[in-house]
C-alpha atoms as a PDB file:
ATOM      1  CA  MET A   1      17.119 181.928  91.750  1.00  0.00           C
ATOM      2  CA  SER A   2      19.095 179.251  89.956  1.00  0.00           C
ATOM      3  CA  ARG A   3      20.744 176.463  91.864  1.00  0.00           C
ATOM      4  CA  ILE A   4      24.546 176.490  91.954  1.00  0.00           C
ATOM      5  CA  TYR A   5      26.142 173.204  90.920  1.00  0.00           C
ATOM      6  CA  THR A   6      29.747 172.351  91.523  1.00  0.00           C
ATOM      7  CA  ILE A   7      31.997 169.760  89.993  1.00  0.00           C
ATOM      8  CA  TYR A   8      32.486 166.943  92.441  1.00  0.00           C
ATOM      9  CA  CYS A   9      33.493 163.353  92.844  1.00  0.00           C
ATOM     10  CA  LYS A  10      31.316 161.262  95.129  1.00  0.00           C
ATOM     11  CA  ASN A  11      33.134 158.366  96.794  1.00  0.00           C
ATOM     12  CA  PHE A  12      31.463 155.690  98.852  1.00  0.00           C
ATOM     13  CA  ILE A  13      33.545 154.338 101.710  1.00  0.00           C
ATOM     14  CA  TYR A  14      32.398 151.033 103.133  1.00  0.00           C
ATOM     15  CA  GLN A  15      33.298 150.503 106.768  1.00  0.00           C
ATOM     16  CA  LYS A  16      31.631 147.655 108.616  1.00  0.00           C
ATOM     17  CA  ASN A  17      27.886 148.202 108.197  1.00  0.00           C
ATOM     18  CA  PHE A  18      28.025 151.876 107.328  1.00  0.00           C
ATOM     19  CA  ILE A  19      28.321 153.682 104.031  1.00  0.00           C
ATOM     20  CA  TYR A  20      29.885 157.126 104.092  1.00  0.00           C
ATOM     21  CA  VAL A  21      29.480 159.437 101.147  1.00  0.00           C
ATOM     22  CA  MET A  22      32.329 161.850 100.580  1.00  0.00           C
ATOM     23  CA  MET A  23      31.783 164.872  98.422  1.00  0.00           C
ATOM     24  CA  HIS A  24      35.008 166.198  96.990  1.00  0.00           C
ATOM     25  CA  GLU A  25      34.752 169.610  95.444  1.00  0.00           C
ATOM     26  CA  ILE A  26      37.383 170.433  92.889  1.00  0.00           C
ATOM     27  CA  ASN A  27      39.425 173.299  94.256  1.00  0.00           C
ATOM     28  CA  GLY A  28      41.134 175.395  91.679  1.00  0.00           C
ATOM     29  CA  GLU A  29      42.148 175.262  88.094  1.00  0.00           C
ATOM     30  CA  LYS A  30      45.125 172.900  88.607  1.00  0.00           C
ATOM     31  CA  GLU A  31      43.025 170.175  90.220  1.00  0.00           C
ATOM     32  CA  LEU A  32      40.373 170.462  87.494  1.00  0.00           C
ATOM     33  CA  VAL A  33      43.042 170.097  84.800  1.00  0.00           C
ATOM     34  CA  ARG A  34      44.576 167.052  86.558  1.00  0.00           C
ATOM     35  CA  ILE A  35      41.207 165.268  86.654  1.00  0.00           C
ATOM     36  CA  LEU A  36      40.304 166.134  83.071  1.00  0.00           C
ATOM     37  CA  LYS A  37      43.762 165.045  81.843  1.00  0.00           C
ATOM     38  CA  ALA A  38      43.384 161.734  83.636  1.00  0.00           C
ATOM     39  CA  LEU A  39      40.001 161.163  82.021  1.00  0.00           C
ATOM     40  CA  ALA A  40      41.271 162.210  78.575  1.00  0.00           C
ATOM     41  CA  ASN A  41      43.410 159.064  78.363  1.00  0.00           C
ATOM     42  CA  PRO A  42      41.623 156.164  76.597  1.00  0.00           C
ATOM     43  CA  ILE A  43      43.471 153.540  78.661  1.00  0.00           C
ATOM     44  CA  ARG A  44      42.248 155.115  81.903  1.00  0.00           C
ATOM     45  CA  ILE A  45      38.697 155.254  80.553  1.00  0.00           C
ATOM     46  CA  ARG A  46      38.925 151.518  79.798  1.00  0.00           C
ATOM     47  CA  ILE A  47      40.291 150.844  83.303  1.00  0.00           C
ATOM     48  CA  ILE A  48      37.335 152.679  84.851  1.00  0.00           C
ATOM     49  CA  SER A  49      35.006 150.701  82.584  1.00  0.00           C
ATOM     50  CA  TYR A  50      36.485 147.347  83.676  1.00  0.00           C
ATOM     51  CA  LEU A  51      36.481 148.346  87.339  1.00  0.00           C
ATOM     52  CA  SER A  52      32.869 149.516  87.208  1.00  0.00           C
ATOM     53  CA  ARG A  53      31.873 145.899  86.440  1.00  0.00           C
ATOM     54  CA  GLU A  54      33.914 144.065  89.074  1.00  0.00           C
ATOM     55  CA  PRO A  55      36.953 144.500  91.321  1.00  0.00           C
ATOM     56  CA  MET A  56      40.216 143.562  89.622  1.00  0.00           C
ATOM     57  CA  CYS A  57      43.891 143.509  90.504  1.00  0.00           C
ATOM     58  CA  VAL A  58      46.518 145.266  88.383  1.00  0.00           C
ATOM     59  CA  TYR A  59      47.760 141.963  86.941  1.00  0.00           C
ATOM     60  CA  ASP A  60      44.273 141.040  85.673  1.00  0.00           C
ATOM     61  CA  LEU A  61      43.746 144.558  84.312  1.00  0.00           C
ATOM     62  CA  ALA A  62      47.064 144.356  82.447  1.00  0.00           C
ATOM     63  CA  LYS A  63      46.008 141.069  80.845  1.00  0.00           C
ATOM     64  CA  ALA A  64      42.569 142.434  79.892  1.00  0.00           C
ATOM     65  CA  LEU A  65      44.078 145.621  78.437  1.00  0.00           C
ATOM     66  CA  LYS A  66      46.978 143.744  76.770  1.00  0.00           C
ATOM     67  CA  LEU A  67      49.457 146.111  78.417  1.00  0.00           C
ATOM     68  CA  SER A  68      52.533 145.594  80.558  1.00  0.00           C
ATOM     69  CA  TYR A  69      52.104 145.386  84.321  1.00  0.00           C
ATOM     70  CA  PRO A  70      54.240 148.529  85.012  1.00  0.00           C
ATOM     71  CA  LEU A  71      52.279 150.655  82.532  1.00  0.00           C
ATOM     72  CA  THR A  72      48.947 149.429  83.909  1.00  0.00           C
ATOM     73  CA  PHE A  73      50.128 150.079  87.472  1.00  0.00           C
ATOM     74  CA  LEU A  74      51.049 153.665  86.513  1.00  0.00           C
ATOM     75  CA  HIS A  75      47.549 154.329  85.144  1.00  0.00           C
ATOM     76  CA  VAL A  76      45.911 152.712  88.196  1.00  0.00           C
ATOM     77  CA  LYS A  77      48.028 154.857  90.533  1.00  0.00           C
ATOM     78  CA  ILE A  78      46.984 158.063  88.759  1.00  0.00           C
ATOM     79  CA  LEU A  79      43.293 157.147  88.953  1.00  0.00           C
ATOM     80  CA  ARG A  80      43.598 156.014  92.582  1.00  0.00           C
ATOM     81  CA  ASP A  81      45.414 159.196  93.654  1.00  0.00           C
ATOM     82  CA  LEU A  82      42.588 161.270  92.139  1.00  0.00           C
ATOM     83  CA  GLY A  83      39.927 159.186  93.901  1.00  0.00           C
ATOM     84  CA  LEU A  84      38.397 157.908  90.658  1.00  0.00           C
ATOM     85  CA  ILE A  85      39.097 154.301  91.680  1.00  0.00           C
ATOM     86  CA  LYS A  86      39.596 152.814  95.129  1.00  0.00           C
ATOM     87  CA  GLU A  87      41.143 149.768  96.732  1.00  0.00           C
ATOM     88  CA  VAL A  88      38.406 147.429  97.930  1.00  0.00           C
ATOM     89  CA  ARG A  89      40.360 144.488  99.322  1.00  0.00           C
ATOM     90  CA  ARG A  90      43.764 142.924  99.815  1.00  0.00           C
ATOM     91  CA  GLU A  91      44.659 139.281  99.652  1.00  0.00           C
ATOM     92  CA  GLU A  92      47.739 138.335 101.610  1.00  0.00           C
ATOM     93  CA  SER A  93      50.223 136.129  99.795  1.00  0.00           C
ATOM     94  CA  THR A  94      51.215 132.805 101.311  1.00  0.00           C
ATOM     95  CA  LYS A  95      54.583 132.929  99.547  1.00  0.00           C
ATOM     96  CA  GLY A  96      55.899 136.025 101.322  1.00  0.00           C
ATOM     97  CA  LEU A  97      55.124 138.324  98.404  1.00  0.00           C
ATOM     98  CA  LEU A  98      53.340 141.651  98.618  1.00  0.00           C
ATOM     99  CA  PRO A  99      49.559 141.429  99.044  1.00  0.00           C
ATOM    100  CA  THR A 100      47.387 141.531  95.930  1.00  0.00           C
ATOM    101  CA  ARG A 101      45.254 144.672  95.874  1.00  0.00           C
ATOM    102  CA  TYR A 102      41.878 144.750  94.165  1.00  0.00           C
ATOM    103  CA  TYR A 103      40.370 147.981  92.867  1.00  0.00           C
ATOM    104  CA  ARG A 104      36.878 149.137  91.935  1.00  0.00           C
ATOM    105  CA  ALA A 105      35.687 152.304  90.214  1.00  0.00           C
ATOM    106  CA  SER A 106      34.507 154.949  92.661  1.00  0.00           C
ATOM    107  CA  ASP A 107      30.963 156.174  92.288  1.00  0.00           C
ATOM    108  CA  PHE A 108      31.744 159.603  90.899  1.00  0.00           C
ATOM    109  CA  GLU A 109      29.975 162.174  88.848  1.00  0.00           C
ATOM    110  CA  ILE A 110      31.492 165.176  87.176  1.00  0.00           C
ATOM    111  CA  THR A 111      29.163 167.984  86.173  1.00  0.00           C
ATOM    112  CA  LEU A 112      30.988 170.349  83.884  1.00  0.00           C
ATOM    113  CA  SER A 113      29.656 173.654  82.597  1.00  0.00           C
ATOM    114  CA  ALA A 114      31.128 176.978  81.584  1.00  0.00           C
ATOM    115  CA  GLU A 115      29.733 178.514  84.768  1.00  0.00           C
ATOM    116  CA  ASN A 116      31.349 175.836  86.955  1.00  0.00           C
ATOM    117  CA  ILE A 117      34.695 176.314  85.216  1.00  0.00           C
ATOM    118  CA  ARG A 118      34.472 180.087  85.776  1.00  0.00           C
ATOM    119  CA  ARG A 119      33.771 179.570  89.499  1.00  0.00           C
ATOM    120  CA  ILE A 120      36.658 177.135  89.884  1.00  0.00           C
ATOM    121  CA  VAL A 121      39.121 179.391  88.059  1.00  0.00           C
ATOM    122  CA  GLU A 122      37.997 182.553  89.860  1.00  0.00           C
ATOM    123  CA  GLY A 123      37.963 180.744  93.193  1.00  0.00           C
ATOM    124  CA  GLY A 124      41.519 179.594  92.573  1.00  0.00           C
ATOM    125  CA  ARG A 125      42.610 183.159  91.815  1.00  0.00           C
ATOM    126  CA  ASP A 126      41.089 184.406  95.065  1.00  0.00           C
ATOM    127  CA  GLU A 127      43.075 181.782  96.994  1.00  0.00           C
ATOM    128  CA  ASN A 128      46.348 182.316  95.102  1.00  0.00           C
ATOM    129  CA  GLY A 129      46.302 186.059  95.027  1.00  0.00           C
END
């Protein structure tokens, strides 16, 4: 009997002295497409690469990528909303400005095969009718 593998993202959440591992199965065709679209963008791949080395704020990412702050923020938001990167700390501003948020790449793994795609698509059809 062969083992069934699913596509998942594994996120580590650090809380005090504990590490929680969250397994997020991709549910349905739409979610799979959203994740693959996000990873198909070369800027987002570079952001994940930078954030896998060290935590960075959006301003520092924008400088490293030679992009505008708003465009960099948009890419960071997309990756964060999908769980591919996570906020790791905030530094409060002494000048009354918004806090600076630092991000790091989540520890994720995506295993993609024709069989996994079939299961996701067929599973989505069962749920949607």
